Amino acid sequence: MNIYLIRHGRQNSTLCNVNVELAKEGIIQAELLGKRLSCFGIDALYSSHLIRAVQTAEIVNRYLGLKHQIRENIQEISFGELEGKSDEYINEHYKDFKLEQMELKEDIPYPGGENGRQVYNRAMVTINEITKSEKENIVVITHGGVIRAVLAGVLGLDMSQKLLFASSLENTGITQLVYEGKRKRFYLQRFNDYGHLEGEPVLLRKSW
């Protein structure tokens, strides 16, 4: 079984985890993703309920024609007090938290929010649902924090190390897990694959 964990397209706000629509670049990213996935033999499509993930899935589904299944437990990590704030505000008012977080010694929660283990525990409800299905190629449109937490968890890493999975995950980047049912084991087959965006530099995170 192949499970494709995909970060949503670019949203139209740079504020922390606001529930907004895709930017025009995000729409283009989702179109390119849909075209690429059209030859993957996808037979199931899931997304979180947040607007940017739903819109990404809807655009991708123009190329797949599947039932779009929405699951709230694969929504982005709760950033708590940081949500709706700008990077500048966060770096100024939560400097000590950010420094402690980047030490990667503990799986500390965001102030008033979640930590990686909490995200992993809720996201695995959907992942386990998927592994029990008879589908072979499943797309899950989700969020960066979820992808990092799931990878750390299924690979048996300490959750404090989750931020080592890329300094920045590209929007619509594809991370592929292969699930071996006999041994109940996950393999990381590909990570943050954004080949469909490389011909358009404006669509990459460094241009945002």
Protein backbone atom coordinates (compact mmCIF):
# COMPACT_ATOMS: atom_id res chain seq x y z
CA MET A 1 0.00 0.00 0.00
CA ASN A 2 1.23 3.48 -0.94
CA ILE A 3 0.16 6.42 1.21
CA TYR A 4 1.00 9.80 -0.30
CA LEU A 5 1.13 12.50 2.37
CA ILE A 6 0.94 15.86 0.64
CA ARG A 7 1.15 19.35 2.03
CA HIS A 8 -1.64 21.65 0.81
CA GLY A 9 -1.05 24.40 -1.75
CA ARG A 10 0.14 27.88 -0.81
CA GLN A 11 -2.42 29.81 1.23
CA ASN A 12 -3.25 33.48 0.71
CA SER A 13 -1.91 34.67 4.08
CA THR A 14 1.51 34.47 5.73
CA LEU A 15 0.00 34.62 9.22
CA CYS A 16 0.37 31.52 11.38
CA ASN A 17 -2.20 28.80 10.65
CA VAL A 18 -5.13 31.00 9.65
CA ASN A 19 -7.97 29.11 7.95
CA VAL A 20 -7.94 30.82 4.55
CA GLU A 21 -8.22 29.96 0.86
CA LEU A 22 -5.41 29.17 -1.52
CA ALA A 23 -3.38 31.93 -3.12
CA LYS A 24 -3.30 32.02 -6.92
CA GLU A 25 0.07 30.27 -6.73
CA GLY A 26 -1.51 27.60 -4.53
CA ILE A 27 -4.15 26.96 -7.18
CA ILE A 28 -1.44 26.50 -9.81
CA GLN A 29 0.50 24.19 -7.48
CA ALA A 30 -2.60 22.06 -6.95
CA GLU A 31 -3.24 21.87 -10.71
CA LEU A 32 0.33 20.70 -11.34
CA LEU A 33 0.01 18.19 -8.52
CA GLY A 34 -3.25 16.84 -9.93
CA LYS A 35 -1.69 16.38 -13.36
CA ARG A 36 1.25 14.55 -11.84
CA LEU A 37 -0.89 12.27 -9.67
CA SER A 38 -3.16 11.38 -12.58
CA CYS A 39 -0.78 8.57 -13.57
CA PHE A 40 -0.21 7.21 -10.04
CA GLY A 41 -3.26 4.95 -10.02
CA ILE A 42 -4.74 6.76 -7.03
CA ASP A 43 -7.86 5.05 -5.66
CA ALA A 44 -8.66 7.05 -2.51
CA LEU A 45 -8.46 10.73 -1.57
CA TYR A 46 -8.49 12.26 1.91
CA SER A 47 -7.94 15.76 3.22
CA SER A 48 -8.17 17.73 6.43
CA HIS A 49 -11.18 20.03 6.84
CA LEU A 50 -9.16 23.27 6.72
CA ILE A 51 -9.96 25.38 3.67
CA ARG A 52 -6.50 25.26 2.08
CA ALA A 53 -6.43 21.46 2.26
CA VAL A 54 -10.01 21.04 1.01
CA GLN A 55 -9.38 23.34 -1.96
CA THR A 56 -6.15 21.55 -2.83
CA ALA A 57 -7.96 18.20 -2.75
CA GLU A 58 -10.85 19.51 -4.86
CA ILE A 59 -8.48 20.76 -7.56
CA VAL A 60 -6.47 17.52 -7.52
CA ASN A 61 -9.70 15.56 -7.73
CA ARG A 62 -10.49 17.07 -11.13
CA TYR A 63 -7.82 14.68 -12.39
CA LEU A 64 -8.74 11.72 -10.17
CA GLY A 65 -12.55 11.68 -10.00
CA LEU A 66 -12.72 10.04 -6.57
CA LYS A 67 -14.83 10.39 -3.46
CA HIS A 68 -13.22 13.16 -1.39
CA GLN A 69 -13.13 12.09 2.25
CA ILE A 70 -12.57 14.78 4.91
CA ARG A 71 -11.04 13.98 8.29
CA GLU A 72 -10.62 16.61 11.01
CA ASN A 73 -7.92 14.66 12.83
CA ILE A 74 -5.38 15.36 10.07
CA GLN A 75 -5.64 19.12 10.46
CA GLU A 76 -2.51 21.18 11.15
CA ILE A 77 -0.85 21.16 14.55
CA SER A 78 -2.42 23.69 16.91
CA PHE A 79 0.03 26.56 17.32
CA GLY A 80 -2.01 27.86 20.27
CA GLU A 81 -1.14 31.45 21.13
CA LEU A 82 0.92 31.82 17.94
CA GLU A 83 -2.03 31.34 15.58
CA GLY A 84 -2.93 34.38 13.54
CA LYS A 85 0.39 36.05 14.35
CA SER A 86 3.10 37.15 11.92
CA ASP A 87 6.61 35.69 11.87
CA GLU A 88 7.95 39.02 13.09
CA TYR A 89 5.58 39.04 16.07
CA ILE A 90 6.35 35.43 16.95
CA ASN A 91 10.12 35.95 16.74
CA GLU A 92 9.85 38.97 19.03
CA HIS A 93 7.31 37.77 21.62
CA TYR A 94 8.04 34.02 21.65
CA LYS A 95 11.79 34.14 21.23
CA ASP A 96 12.52 31.92 24.24
CA PHE A 97 10.06 29.29 23.08
CA LYS A 98 11.53 29.21 19.58
CA LEU A 99 15.06 28.86 20.94
CA GLU A 100 14.01 25.98 23.20
CA GLN A 101 12.10 24.32 20.37
CA MET A 102 15.11 24.39 18.06
CA GLU A 103 17.27 22.67 20.65
CA LEU A 104 15.33 19.51 19.64
CA LYS A 105 15.70 18.05 23.12
CA GLU A 106 12.02 17.76 24.02
CA ASP A 107 8.72 17.51 22.20
CA ILE A 108 7.49 20.74 23.73
CA PRO A 109 3.98 21.95 22.88
CA TYR A 110 3.30 25.32 21.35
CA PRO A 111 2.13 27.72 24.08
CA GLY A 112 -1.53 26.85 24.52
CA GLY A 113 -1.29 24.38 21.62
CA GLU A 114 -0.17 20.87 20.73
CA ASN A 115 3.07 18.94 20.60
CA GLY A 116 4.12 16.38 18.02
CA ARG A 117 2.96 13.34 19.99
CA GLN A 118 -0.56 14.73 20.28
CA VAL A 119 -0.67 15.37 16.53
CA TYR A 120 0.68 11.90 15.78
CA ASN A 121 -1.87 10.21 18.03
CA ARG A 122 -4.84 11.91 16.37
CA ALA A 123 -3.52 11.69 12.80
CA MET A 124 -2.88 7.96 13.17
CA VAL A 125 -6.62 7.43 13.59
CA THR A 126 -6.94 8.23 9.88
CA ILE A 127 -3.70 6.50 8.88
CA ASN A 128 -4.81 3.32 10.65
CA GLU A 129 -8.20 3.58 8.94
CA ILE A 130 -6.40 3.75 5.61
CA THR A 131 -4.15 0.75 6.33
CA LYS A 132 -7.23 -1.36 7.07
CA SER A 133 -8.81 -0.48 3.73
CA GLU A 134 -8.45 -2.48 0.53
CA LYS A 135 -7.08 0.49 -1.40
CA GLU A 136 -3.58 0.48 -2.83
CA ASN A 137 -2.70 4.10 -3.61
CA ILE A 138 -4.06 6.73 -1.25
CA VAL A 139 -3.56 10.50 -1.28
CA VAL A 140 -3.80 12.42 1.99
CA ILE A 141 -3.81 16.22 1.62
CA THR A 142 -2.67 17.49 5.00
CA HIS A 143 -0.21 19.90 6.64
CA GLY A 144 3.49 20.24 7.37
CA GLY A 145 3.20 19.67 11.10
CA VAL A 146 1.17 16.52 10.55
CA ILE A 147 3.60 15.09 8.00
CA ARG A 148 6.58 15.65 10.30
CA ALA A 149 4.81 14.12 13.30
CA VAL A 150 3.58 11.08 11.35
CA LEU A 151 7.03 10.43 9.90
CA ALA A 152 8.73 10.65 13.28
CA GLY A 153 6.14 8.34 14.81
CA VAL A 154 5.99 5.60 12.19
CA LEU A 155 9.79 5.53 11.83
CA GLY A 156 10.26 5.20 15.58
CA LEU A 157 12.11 8.47 16.09
CA ASP A 158 11.92 10.61 19.19
CA MET A 159 9.20 13.16 18.51
CA SER A 160 11.60 15.97 19.48
CA GLN A 161 13.42 15.24 16.19
CA LYS A 162 10.43 15.87 13.95
CA LEU A 163 11.70 19.27 12.78
CA LEU A 164 14.70 17.58 11.18
CA PHE A 165 12.41 16.58 8.31
CA ALA A 166 13.33 19.53 6.07
CA SER A 167 13.84 23.14 7.08
CA SER A 168 10.70 23.87 5.06
CA LEU A 169 8.30 21.46 3.38
CA GLU A 170 7.27 22.61 -0.08
CA ASN A 171 3.60 23.22 -0.77
CA THR A 172 2.17 20.20 -2.64
CA GLY A 173 5.40 18.26 -1.99
CA ILE A 174 4.81 14.49 -2.05
CA THR A 175 5.94 12.24 0.79
CA GLN A 176 5.33 8.56 0.09
CA LEU A 177 4.99 5.91 2.77
CA VAL A 178 4.84 2.25 1.81
CA TYR A 179 2.87 0.18 4.32
CA GLU A 180 3.66 -3.51 4.63
CA GLY A 181 0.58 -5.07 6.19
CA LYS A 182 2.18 -8.43 7.02
CA ARG A 183 4.71 -6.81 9.37
CA LYS A 184 2.64 -3.69 10.11
CA ARG A 185 5.63 -1.66 9.02
CA PHE A 186 6.04 1.68 7.24
CA TYR A 187 8.85 2.50 4.82
CA LEU A 188 9.71 6.04 3.73
CA GLN A 189 9.84 5.73 -0.06
CA ARG A 190 10.12 9.41 -1.01
CA PHE A 191 10.17 12.69 0.87
CA ASN A 192 9.08 16.24 -0.02
CA ASP A 193 9.15 15.50 -3.76
CA TYR A 194 8.22 18.72 -5.56
CA GLY A 195 9.46 17.90 -9.04
CA HIS A 196 6.19 19.19 -10.51
CA LEU A 197 7.07 22.70 -9.27
CA GLU A 198 10.72 22.93 -10.26
CA GLY A 199 10.05 24.54 -13.63
CA GLU A 200 8.25 27.43 -11.88
CA PRO A 201 10.57 29.04 -9.26
CA VAL A 202 7.81 31.45 -8.18
CA LEU A 203 5.91 28.45 -6.83
CA LEU A 204 8.68 27.42 -4.42
CA ARG A 205 8.74 28.40 -0.73
CA LYS A 206 11.84 30.57 -1.21
CA SER A 207 9.73 32.89 -3.41
CA TRP A 208 6.98 33.37 -0.81
